[in-house]
Protein backbone atom coordinates (compact mmCIF):
# COMPACT_ATOMS: atom_id res chain seq x y z
CA MET A 1 15.32 9.10 -23.59
CA LYS A 2 13.48 5.77 -23.71
CA THR A 3 16.82 3.94 -23.61
CA ILE A 4 17.85 5.81 -20.45
CA ILE A 5 14.54 5.00 -18.77
CA ALA A 6 14.89 1.35 -19.76
CA ILE A 7 18.36 1.15 -18.21
CA ILE A 8 17.10 2.71 -14.99
CA LEU A 9 14.12 0.35 -14.83
CA LEU A 10 16.28 -2.67 -15.53
CA ALA A 11 18.48 -1.77 -12.58
CA GLN A 12 15.41 -1.37 -10.38
CA LEU A 13 13.91 -4.69 -11.44
CA THR A 14 17.23 -6.48 -11.00
CA ALA A 15 17.42 -5.20 -7.43
CA LEU A 16 13.89 -6.48 -6.86
CA GLY A 17 14.60 -9.93 -8.30
CA ALA A 18 13.28 -9.34 -11.87
CA VAL A 19 9.77 -8.26 -10.88
CA PRO A 20 8.42 -6.62 -7.74
CA GLU A 21 6.95 -8.65 -4.93
CA PHE A 22 3.17 -8.76 -5.12
CA PHE A 23 0.82 -8.80 -2.15
CA VAL A 24 -2.91 -8.38 -1.64
CA PHE A 25 -4.99 -6.40 0.83
CA ASP A 26 -6.92 -8.54 3.28
CA ASN A 27 -10.16 -7.01 2.00
CA GLY A 28 -9.73 -9.31 -1.00
CA VAL A 29 -8.91 -12.41 1.04
CA GLY A 30 -12.07 -13.05 2.99
CA ARG A 31 -11.65 -10.37 5.63
CA GLY A 32 -13.83 -11.32 8.59
CA THR A 33 -14.80 -14.72 7.15
CA TRP A 34 -11.56 -16.57 6.30
CA THR A 35 -9.18 -17.67 9.04
CA PRO A 36 -5.57 -16.45 8.87
CA GLU A 37 -4.56 -20.02 8.02
CA GLN A 38 -7.00 -20.10 5.10
CA GLN A 39 -5.79 -16.71 3.89
CA ALA A 40 -2.13 -17.70 4.07
CA SER A 41 -2.52 -21.11 2.43
CA THR A 42 -4.66 -19.69 -0.38
CA LEU A 43 -2.21 -16.92 -1.18
CA LYS A 44 0.69 -19.36 -1.07
CA GLU A 45 -1.07 -21.71 -3.49
CA LEU A 46 -1.92 -18.91 -5.92
CA GLY A 47 1.57 -17.43 -5.92
CA PHE A 48 1.15 -14.18 -3.99
CA ASP A 49 4.05 -13.04 -1.83
CA GLY A 50 1.90 -12.00 1.12
CA ILE A 51 -0.77 -9.70 2.48
CA SER A 52 -1.47 -6.31 4.05
CA TYR A 53 -3.76 -6.44 7.06
CA ASN A 54 -6.23 -3.96 8.42
CA TYR A 55 -5.34 -3.62 12.11
CA THR A 56 -7.74 -5.18 14.61
CA LYS A 57 -6.11 -6.10 17.94
CA PRO A 58 -2.65 -7.37 18.98
CA ALA A 59 -3.82 -10.94 19.67
CA GLN A 60 -5.47 -11.20 16.25
CA PHE A 61 -2.39 -9.81 14.54
CA ALA A 62 -0.18 -12.30 16.36
CA ALA A 63 -2.33 -15.12 14.99
CA GLN A 64 -2.05 -13.65 11.50
CA GLN A 65 1.73 -13.42 11.82
CA LYS A 66 1.92 -17.07 12.89
CA ALA A 67 -0.16 -18.26 9.94
CA PHE A 68 1.88 -16.34 7.39
CA ASN A 69 5.22 -17.27 8.91
CA GLU A 70 4.26 -20.92 8.64
CA GLN A 71 3.63 -20.49 4.91
CA GLY A 72 6.83 -18.50 4.36
CA LEU A 73 4.86 -15.43 3.30
CA LYS A 74 5.21 -11.80 4.37
CA ILE A 75 2.85 -9.35 5.98
CA TYR A 76 3.78 -6.22 4.06
CA GLY A 77 1.56 -3.67 5.73
CA LEU A 78 -0.43 -3.09 8.88
CA TYR A 79 -3.08 -0.50 8.07
CA VAL A 80 -4.25 1.77 10.89
CA TYR A 81 -6.55 4.79 11.17
CA THR A 82 -5.38 7.88 13.05
CA TYR A 83 -7.50 10.85 14.05
CA LEU A 84 -6.46 14.50 14.11
CA ASP A 85 -9.19 15.83 16.39
CA ARG A 86 -9.34 13.20 19.15
CA PRO A 87 -7.37 13.22 22.40
CA VAL A 88 -6.36 9.62 21.68
CA HIS A 89 -5.09 9.67 18.10
CA PHE A 90 -5.26 5.91 17.52
CA ASP A 91 -6.11 2.73 19.41
CA PRO A 92 -3.84 2.63 22.50
CA ALA A 93 -3.49 -1.14 22.05
CA PHE A 94 -1.74 -0.48 18.76
CA LYS A 95 1.37 0.32 20.79
CA GLU A 96 1.45 -3.35 21.73
CA ALA A 97 0.90 -4.44 18.13
CA ILE A 98 3.92 -2.39 17.06
CA LYS A 99 6.11 -4.49 19.31
CA LEU A 100 5.11 -7.56 17.28
CA LEU A 101 6.66 -5.96 14.21
CA LYS A 102 10.21 -5.96 15.55
CA GLY A 103 12.51 -7.90 13.25
CA THR A 104 10.01 -7.96 10.37
CA ASP A 105 9.67 -5.94 7.16
CA THR A 106 6.05 -5.06 7.94
CA VAL A 107 5.32 -1.37 7.35
CA ILE A 108 2.78 0.61 9.37
CA TRP A 109 0.46 2.04 6.73
CA MET A 110 -1.27 4.95 8.46
CA THR A 111 -4.16 7.14 7.39
CA LEU A 112 -4.93 10.61 8.68
CA MET A 113 -8.66 11.10 9.06
CA LYS A 114 -10.26 14.43 8.23
CA PRO A 115 -11.31 16.44 11.32
CA LYS A 116 -14.76 18.02 11.53
CA GLU A 117 -13.32 21.53 11.51
CA LYS A 118 -12.25 22.65 8.05
CA GLY A 119 -8.93 24.33 7.37
CA ASP A 120 -5.22 23.66 7.63
CA HIS A 121 -4.51 20.79 10.01
CA ASP A 122 -0.96 20.00 8.93
CA ALA A 123 0.36 20.58 12.44
CA GLU A 124 -1.97 17.94 13.88
CA ALA A 125 -1.17 15.56 11.01
CA VAL A 126 2.55 15.98 11.63
CA ARG A 127 2.01 15.30 15.34
CA ASN A 128 0.28 12.01 14.54
CA VAL A 129 2.98 10.94 12.13
CA GLN A 130 5.80 11.83 14.49
CA GLU A 131 4.13 9.99 17.37
CA MET A 132 3.68 6.88 15.23
CA ALA A 133 7.16 7.16 13.76
CA ASP A 134 8.83 7.37 17.16
CA LEU A 135 6.97 4.32 18.43
CA ALA A 136 7.87 2.46 15.25
CA ALA A 137 11.52 3.50 15.32
CA ALA A 138 11.94 1.93 18.75
CA GLN A 139 11.14 -1.42 17.08
CA GLY A 140 13.10 -0.77 13.90
CA VAL A 141 9.91 -0.35 11.89
CA ARG A 142 9.03 1.98 9.00
CA VAL A 143 5.87 4.04 8.51
CA ALA A 144 4.17 4.85 5.21
CA ILE A 145 1.53 7.59 4.99
CA TYR A 146 -1.55 6.32 3.16
CA GLY A 147 -3.40 8.75 0.92
CA HIS A 148 -7.13 8.01 1.01
CA ALA A 149 -9.76 10.04 -0.85
CA GLY A 150 -12.03 11.90 1.55
CA MET A 151 -9.51 11.91 4.40
CA TYR A 152 -7.19 14.74 5.41
CA VAL A 153 -4.34 13.12 3.49
CA GLU A 154 -6.02 12.12 0.23
CA THR A 155 -3.24 11.61 -2.28
CA GLY A 156 0.41 10.75 -2.73
CA GLU A 157 1.28 14.45 -2.96
CA ASP A 158 -0.45 15.03 0.38
CA ALA A 159 1.44 12.12 1.90
CA ALA A 160 4.76 13.48 0.64
CA ARG A 161 4.01 16.93 2.06
CA ILE A 162 3.23 15.63 5.53
CA MET A 163 6.17 13.21 5.39
CA LYS A 164 8.59 16.07 4.73
CA LEU A 165 7.10 18.18 7.51
CA ALA A 166 7.28 15.28 9.97
CA ASN A 167 11.00 14.88 9.24
CA ARG A 168 11.46 11.35 10.55
CA GLY A 169 13.94 9.03 8.86
CA ASN A 170 11.67 5.98 9.08
CA VAL A 171 8.68 7.67 7.40
CA GLY A 172 7.82 7.51 3.71
CA ALA A 173 4.88 8.20 1.44
CA SER A 174 2.74 5.89 -0.68
CA ILE A 175 0.73 6.14 -3.89
CA ASN A 176 -2.63 4.37 -3.95
CA LEU A 177 -3.91 4.31 -7.50
CA CYS A 178 -7.65 4.16 -6.87
CA HIS A 179 -7.49 7.08 -4.45
CA GLU A 180 -5.56 9.25 -6.91
CA PHE A 181 -8.43 8.86 -9.37
CA THR A 182 -11.17 9.13 -6.75
CA ALA A 183 -9.59 12.34 -5.46
CA LYS A 184 -9.63 13.63 -9.07
CA LYS A 185 -5.85 13.57 -9.48
CA GLY A 186 -5.75 11.00 -12.26
CA GLU A 187 -4.97 13.64 -14.87
CA VAL A 188 -1.79 14.68 -13.04
CA LEU A 189 -0.65 11.16 -12.24
CA ASN A 190 2.64 11.53 -14.12
CA GLU A 191 3.57 14.52 -11.96
CA THR A 192 2.63 12.59 -8.82
CA ILE A 193 4.84 9.71 -9.92
CA LYS A 194 7.76 12.05 -10.52
CA ASN A 195 7.42 13.74 -7.13
CA VAL A 196 6.27 10.92 -4.87
CA ALA A 197 7.57 7.60 -6.25
CA PRO A 198 11.14 8.15 -4.93
CA LEU A 199 9.72 8.88 -1.46
CA SER A 200 7.31 5.95 -1.32
CA ILE A 201 7.65 2.76 0.72
CA LEU A 202 4.48 1.02 -0.47
CA ILE A 203 2.06 1.42 -3.36
CA SER A 204 -1.26 -0.14 -4.31
CA VAL A 205 -2.89 -0.85 -7.66
CA ASN A 206 -6.13 -2.28 -9.01
CA GLY A 207 -8.09 -2.31 -12.23
CA ILE A 208 -9.23 1.14 -13.34
CA SER A 209 -11.79 2.07 -15.98
CA VAL A 210 -11.00 5.70 -16.77
CA ALA A 211 -13.70 5.97 -19.42
CA ASN A 212 -16.46 4.72 -17.11
CA LYS A 213 -15.03 6.29 -13.93
CA LYS A 214 -14.89 2.91 -12.18
CA TYR A 215 -11.83 3.18 -9.98
CA LEU A 216 -12.01 -0.06 -7.99
CA GLN A 217 -12.01 -3.13 -10.19
CA ARG A 218 -10.32 -6.46 -10.49
CA LEU A 219 -6.81 -6.36 -11.93
CA ASP A 220 -7.92 -7.84 -15.26
CA GLN A 221 -10.65 -5.23 -15.72
CA GLY A 222 -10.65 -1.64 -16.94
CA ASP A 223 -8.82 0.37 -19.59
CA PHE A 224 -5.91 1.75 -17.54
CA ASP A 225 -2.46 0.50 -18.61
CA LEU A 226 -1.06 -0.85 -15.35
CA ALA A 227 2.19 -2.11 -16.89
CA ASP A 228 2.98 1.35 -18.23
CA TYR A 229 2.10 2.89 -14.87
CA LEU A 230 4.43 0.54 -13.01
CA ARG A 231 7.23 1.15 -15.51
CA LYS A 232 6.98 4.85 -14.77
CA LEU A 233 6.97 4.26 -11.01
CA PHE A 234 10.14 2.19 -11.08
CA ALA A 235 11.87 4.51 -13.52
CA ALA A 236 11.08 7.40 -11.15
CA GLY A 237 12.74 5.61 -8.24
CA TYR A 238 10.16 3.42 -6.50
CA LYS A 239 11.87 0.31 -5.13
CA GLY A 240 9.24 -1.51 -3.10
CA PRO A 241 6.55 -4.16 -3.52
CA VAL A 242 3.18 -3.78 -5.23
CA GLY A 243 -0.05 -4.20 -3.30
CA LEU A 244 -3.45 -5.13 -4.71
CA GLN A 245 -6.40 -3.11 -3.44
CA CYS A 246 -9.64 -5.14 -3.50
CA TYR A 247 -12.10 -2.99 -1.57
CA SER A 248 -15.69 -3.24 -2.87
CA VAL A 249 -14.75 -5.56 -5.75
CA LEU A 250 -17.74 -7.85 -6.29
CA GLY A 251 -17.63 -11.59 -6.82
CA ASP A 252 -16.22 -14.69 -5.17
CA PRO A 253 -12.93 -13.82 -3.44
CA LEU A 254 -11.14 -16.98 -4.58
CA GLU A 255 -12.15 -16.56 -8.20
CA ASN A 256 -11.18 -12.90 -8.05
CA LEU A 257 -7.75 -13.77 -6.66
CA LYS A 258 -7.18 -16.31 -9.43
CA ALA A 259 -8.09 -13.71 -12.05
CA ASP A 260 -5.92 -11.10 -10.33
CA MET A 261 -2.90 -13.41 -10.31
CA ALA A 262 -3.39 -14.33 -13.96
CA ALA A 263 -3.50 -10.62 -14.81
CA TRP A 264 -0.44 -9.92 -12.65
CA LYS A 265 1.59 -12.53 -14.53
CA LYS A 266 0.79 -10.75 -17.81
CA ILE A 267 1.63 -7.35 -16.33
CA SER A 268 4.89 -8.50 -14.74
CA ALA A 269 5.94 -10.17 -18.01
CA LYS A 270 5.66 -6.77 -19.70
CA LEU A 271 7.86 -5.28 -17.00
CA LYS A 272 10.58 -7.84 -17.67
CA ASP A 273 10.41 -7.12 -21.41
CA PHE A 274 10.67 -3.36 -21.07
């Protein structure tokens, strides 16, 4: 069985160019304090493949695109909140930002916020996803549903459920490691991988300390075996890049990024040897 899994993973890694592309969330790259030029040049120097941005406004995103294009780096994701119980489901200006994505590989990474009224809100969630998907499709762009603990869609399984109900060809799921644990789904992670990895467009990882229940750490911290986790993801059919979640990680951003990259090199070496 291990031999079969190894063959499958080898094919996946070959398609990806030996190891998956590795990007970082902007919350680990001086969000709000570093300029796009500083972010792009730093990531280039350290060896990252790009970034995922939290959406602000179209003009700001255009400046971010320019900075990363000049460094030959990618913007992998554009993260946006959507609301199930508001007449306007997301910032109307985001429709202009979507137009900036035409001809790029940037994925709209959308959340679905929890409404005040409890109960089943799948219909509203599907409406939001379909609206976003149709806007994105007009520009040749894909959408990934982001599972976030405490929101209506909390986990990868939730994302896959809404994705299937939305029934749009440019929509996929995602698995965000810290949120699986925060939403108390860490114990069923293997089942999530089996069900959701083949449907996912993006994923995110970070250091996890299962023993101490610290679910947002630097990549070189914690007791969770990230190499084994990624092996399982690729063997299950995930084919995309790997994102680094940095939210609430303490310390100097530059030093953290250096430590993260050093850890990533060790992790990716294990993937090549599998």
